[in-house]
Amino acid sequence: MAGLDYKKEFKELYQPPGKPVLVTVPEIRFIMVDGEGYPGGNPAYEEAIQVLMGLSYGIKMLPRQGYTPAGYFDYVVPPLEGLWWIPEGEVFSFQNKDNWLWTMMVRQPDFVKEELFNRVVEETGRKKKTPGLNKAKLEEFVEGLSLQIMHTGPYSEEPATLALMEQYMAENGYRDTLYRGGKHHEIYLSDPRKCDPSKLKTVLRQPVERMMMD
């Protein structure tokens, strides 16, 4: 019997249509790594991905190592996700990417508690040298009301899809909450190393609020 696949079990979070839709995102537990700068050619970004995947698969494979955590169930490791923002007072631009801040993260099953996370971090560090392992953290993330859409195509073409979200908000009385600390959210459903750029699927999500009407 196949393990739980979060992308299929929670389609409202991982399989939005190619048009903006509202969704209420519950509290979700992630392993996270923070960083800064444009991801392309960024050693810190590559390091973060290796840490996240190493720990996530390490947790999934624990039973094969002779240890089954309480509440464990078989599952598919969820996709890589990223939160993106810029320092307060600065302007976001696809031309100037040096000021980008990010948190890369991978969702974890509910049985993954702090004690288990620390155990896997310790074992991973003991078995092999993993740069940046100390930057990993286990945290809950709450988005609440959000607007999301499926972007199909290269990451460089995301602005056109984001424009559809801006139009939806303008026409329906919403605004994103980036102005008060909300973060642009992306879920990477395709592996760019194996997928044609024109077929990449990425969930784009913005936390939103309804605007007060005069």
Protein backbone atom coordinates (compact mmCIF):
# COMPACT_ATOMS: atom_id res chain seq x y z
CA MET A 1 0.00 0.00 0.00
CA ALA A 2 1.46 3.37 -1.03
CA GLY A 3 2.34 5.82 1.72
CA LEU A 4 0.58 9.11 2.34
CA ASP A 5 1.27 11.65 -0.42
CA TYR A 6 0.52 15.13 0.89
CA LYS A 7 0.24 16.52 -2.66
CA LYS A 8 -2.66 14.14 -3.34
CA GLU A 9 -4.22 14.08 0.11
CA PHE A 10 -4.36 17.89 0.37
CA LYS A 11 -5.02 18.93 -3.19
CA GLU A 12 -6.42 22.29 -2.12
CA LEU A 13 -2.93 23.21 -0.90
CA TYR A 14 -0.78 21.62 -3.60
CA GLN A 15 -2.88 21.46 -6.76
CA PRO A 16 -4.53 24.85 -7.37
CA PRO A 17 -5.84 25.71 -10.84
CA GLY A 18 -4.14 28.08 -13.25
CA LYS A 19 -6.27 30.92 -11.94
CA PRO A 20 -6.22 32.61 -8.52
CA VAL A 21 -8.18 30.91 -5.74
CA LEU A 22 -8.52 31.62 -2.03
CA VAL A 23 -7.45 28.99 0.48
CA THR A 24 -7.13 28.88 4.26
CA VAL A 25 -3.80 27.27 5.12
CA PRO A 26 -3.62 25.54 8.53
CA GLU A 27 -0.62 25.42 10.84
CA ILE A 28 1.99 23.12 9.28
CA ARG A 29 5.27 21.82 10.72
CA PHE A 30 8.42 22.26 8.64
CA ILE A 31 12.14 21.77 8.77
CA MET A 32 13.48 25.19 7.75
CA VAL A 33 16.77 26.80 6.77
CA ASP A 34 17.13 30.59 6.41
CA GLY A 35 19.37 32.35 3.93
CA GLU A 36 19.80 35.31 1.63
CA GLY A 37 20.65 36.17 -1.96
CA TYR A 38 19.59 34.91 -5.36
CA PRO A 39 19.53 31.07 -5.38
CA GLY A 40 21.32 30.59 -8.72
CA GLY A 41 24.99 29.82 -8.08
CA ASN A 42 24.53 30.50 -4.37
CA PRO A 43 26.47 27.97 -2.23
CA ALA A 44 24.33 28.78 0.83
CA TYR A 45 21.18 27.94 -1.11
CA GLU A 46 22.57 24.63 -2.37
CA GLU A 47 23.75 23.83 1.15
CA ALA A 48 20.26 24.52 2.52
CA ILE A 49 18.64 22.15 0.03
CA GLN A 50 21.09 19.38 0.89
CA VAL A 51 20.43 19.83 4.60
CA LEU A 52 16.64 19.83 4.17
CA MET A 53 16.56 16.77 1.96
CA GLY A 54 19.12 14.91 4.03
CA LEU A 55 17.13 15.38 7.23
CA SER A 56 13.73 14.79 5.60
CA TYR A 57 14.77 11.50 4.02
CA GLY A 58 16.67 10.59 7.16
CA ILE A 59 13.43 10.81 9.14
CA LYS A 60 11.46 8.85 6.55
CA MET A 61 14.04 6.05 6.48
CA LEU A 62 14.34 5.63 10.26
CA PRO A 63 12.47 2.29 10.33
CA ARG A 64 15.02 0.87 7.89
CA GLN A 65 17.71 1.90 10.34
CA GLY A 66 16.04 -0.11 13.08
CA TYR A 67 14.12 2.67 14.83
CA THR A 68 10.40 3.36 14.38
CA PRO A 69 9.22 6.57 16.08
CA ALA A 70 5.92 6.63 17.94
CA GLY A 71 3.10 7.42 15.53
CA TYR A 72 5.23 6.72 12.45
CA PHE A 73 3.45 6.02 9.15
CA ASP A 74 4.74 5.56 5.62
CA TYR A 75 4.65 8.68 3.48
CA VAL A 76 6.09 10.44 0.47
CA VAL A 77 8.55 13.19 1.41
CA PRO A 78 6.71 16.45 0.57
CA PRO A 79 8.08 18.90 -2.01
CA LEU A 80 10.54 21.69 -1.38
CA GLU A 81 8.93 25.02 -0.46
CA GLY A 82 10.29 28.53 -0.13
CA LEU A 83 9.33 31.78 1.59
CA TRP A 84 10.69 34.90 -0.07
CA TRP A 85 10.88 38.53 1.08
CA ILE A 86 13.19 41.56 1.21
CA PRO A 87 14.46 43.76 4.06
CA GLU A 88 12.00 46.36 5.32
CA GLY A 89 12.20 49.58 3.36
CA GLU A 90 13.79 48.05 0.28
CA VAL A 91 12.18 47.37 -3.11
CA PHE A 92 11.68 43.89 -4.55
CA SER A 93 13.05 43.49 -8.05
CA PHE A 94 13.78 40.62 -10.43
CA GLN A 95 16.67 42.74 -11.72
CA ASN A 96 18.34 43.29 -8.32
CA LYS A 97 18.26 39.94 -6.55
CA ASP A 98 21.06 40.42 -4.03
CA ASN A 99 18.67 41.64 -1.32
CA TRP A 100 16.38 38.61 -1.50
CA LEU A 101 15.84 36.83 1.83
CA TRP A 102 14.48 33.30 1.98
CA THR A 103 13.49 30.37 4.11
CA MET A 104 13.61 27.03 2.33
CA MET A 105 11.58 24.31 3.98
CA VAL A 106 10.08 20.82 3.76
CA ARG A 107 6.83 19.79 5.44
CA GLN A 108 7.07 17.11 8.14
CA PRO A 109 4.53 14.58 9.43
CA ASP A 110 2.92 15.32 12.79
CA PHE A 111 4.91 12.57 14.52
CA VAL A 112 8.11 14.60 13.98
CA LYS A 113 8.63 16.36 17.32
CA GLU A 114 11.62 18.36 18.58
CA GLU A 115 13.22 15.36 20.30
CA LEU A 116 13.05 13.25 17.14
CA PHE A 117 14.30 16.11 15.00
CA ASN A 118 17.30 16.65 17.29
CA ARG A 119 18.07 12.94 17.23
CA VAL A 120 18.16 12.85 13.43
CA VAL A 121 20.26 16.02 13.26
CA GLU A 122 22.75 14.47 15.67
CA GLU A 123 22.89 11.15 13.81
CA THR A 124 23.24 12.89 10.44
CA GLY A 125 26.13 14.96 11.72
CA ARG A 126 27.83 11.90 13.18
CA LYS A 127 27.54 9.81 10.02
CA LYS A 128 28.75 12.37 7.51
CA LYS A 129 29.99 15.91 7.32
CA THR A 130 27.00 18.07 6.38
CA PRO A 131 27.80 21.80 6.07
CA GLY A 132 25.05 24.04 7.42
CA LEU A 133 23.39 21.32 9.49
CA ASN A 134 23.32 23.63 12.51
CA LYS A 135 21.12 26.09 10.57
CA ALA A 136 18.19 23.67 10.38
CA LYS A 137 15.22 24.21 12.68
CA LEU A 138 11.85 22.58 13.25
CA GLU A 139 9.00 25.09 13.40
CA GLU A 140 5.28 25.51 12.82
CA PHE A 141 4.25 27.99 10.15
CA VAL A 142 0.79 29.56 9.94
CA GLU A 143 -0.39 31.41 6.83
CA GLY A 144 -4.16 31.47 7.22
CA LEU A 145 -6.12 33.15 4.44
CA SER A 146 -4.08 33.12 1.23
CA LEU A 147 -4.41 33.51 -2.51
CA GLN A 148 -2.70 30.94 -4.69
CA ILE A 149 -2.32 29.85 -8.28
CA MET A 150 -0.48 27.19 -10.27
CA HIS A 151 2.35 28.65 -12.34
CA THR A 152 3.44 26.50 -15.28
CA GLY A 153 6.69 27.47 -16.95
CA PRO A 154 10.10 28.93 -16.10
CA TYR A 155 10.60 30.72 -12.80
CA SER A 156 11.58 33.83 -14.79
CA GLU A 157 8.00 34.05 -16.10
CA GLU A 158 6.39 34.15 -12.65
CA PRO A 159 5.71 37.93 -12.81
CA ALA A 160 2.99 37.34 -15.44
CA THR A 161 1.27 34.83 -13.16
CA LEU A 162 1.67 37.09 -10.14
CA ALA A 163 -0.03 39.83 -12.16
CA LEU A 164 -3.12 37.60 -12.35
CA MET A 165 -3.12 37.45 -8.56
CA GLU A 166 -2.79 41.23 -8.31
CA GLN A 167 -5.73 41.62 -10.67
CA TYR A 168 -7.85 39.20 -8.62
CA MET A 169 -7.11 41.11 -5.42
CA ALA A 170 -7.92 44.46 -7.00
CA GLU A 171 -11.23 43.20 -8.39
CA ASN A 172 -12.35 41.36 -5.26
CA GLY A 173 -11.33 43.66 -2.42
CA TYR A 174 -8.22 41.90 -1.12
CA ARG A 175 -4.60 42.88 -0.61
CA ASP A 176 -1.55 40.85 0.26
CA THR A 177 0.00 41.22 3.70
CA LEU A 178 3.59 41.58 2.52
CA TYR A 179 3.48 45.15 3.85
CA ARG A 180 3.23 43.86 7.43
CA GLY A 181 5.57 40.90 7.35
CA GLY A 182 3.73 38.40 5.14
CA LYS A 183 5.96 36.37 2.84
CA HIS A 184 5.67 35.27 -0.76
CA HIS A 185 5.41 31.46 -0.78
CA GLU A 186 6.38 29.01 -3.51
CA ILE A 187 5.96 25.23 -3.63
CA TYR A 188 8.19 23.47 -6.17
CA LEU A 189 6.31 20.49 -7.55
CA SER A 190 8.83 19.82 -10.35
CA ASP A 191 12.54 19.02 -10.26
CA PRO A 192 14.26 21.65 -12.45
CA ARG A 193 17.13 19.21 -13.03
CA LYS A 194 14.82 16.75 -14.75
CA CYS A 195 11.93 18.83 -16.11
CA ASP A 196 11.72 20.98 -19.23
CA PRO A 197 11.50 24.62 -18.04
CA SER A 198 8.26 25.12 -19.99
CA LYS A 199 6.63 22.36 -17.92
CA LEU A 200 7.80 23.33 -14.43
CA LYS A 201 4.90 23.49 -11.98
CA THR A 202 5.13 25.87 -9.04
CA VAL A 203 2.41 26.85 -6.59
CA LEU A 204 2.56 30.61 -5.97
CA ARG A 205 0.90 31.78 -2.77
CA GLN A 206 0.45 35.13 -1.06
CA PRO A 207 -1.07 35.72 2.41
CA VAL A 208 -4.00 38.12 2.00
CA GLU A 209 -6.58 40.11 3.92
CA ARG A 210 -9.87 41.68 2.94
CA MET A 211 -9.62 45.43 2.62
CA MET A 212 -11.85 47.61 4.72
CA MET A 213 -14.50 49.29 2.57
CA ASP A 214 -15.34 52.97 3.13
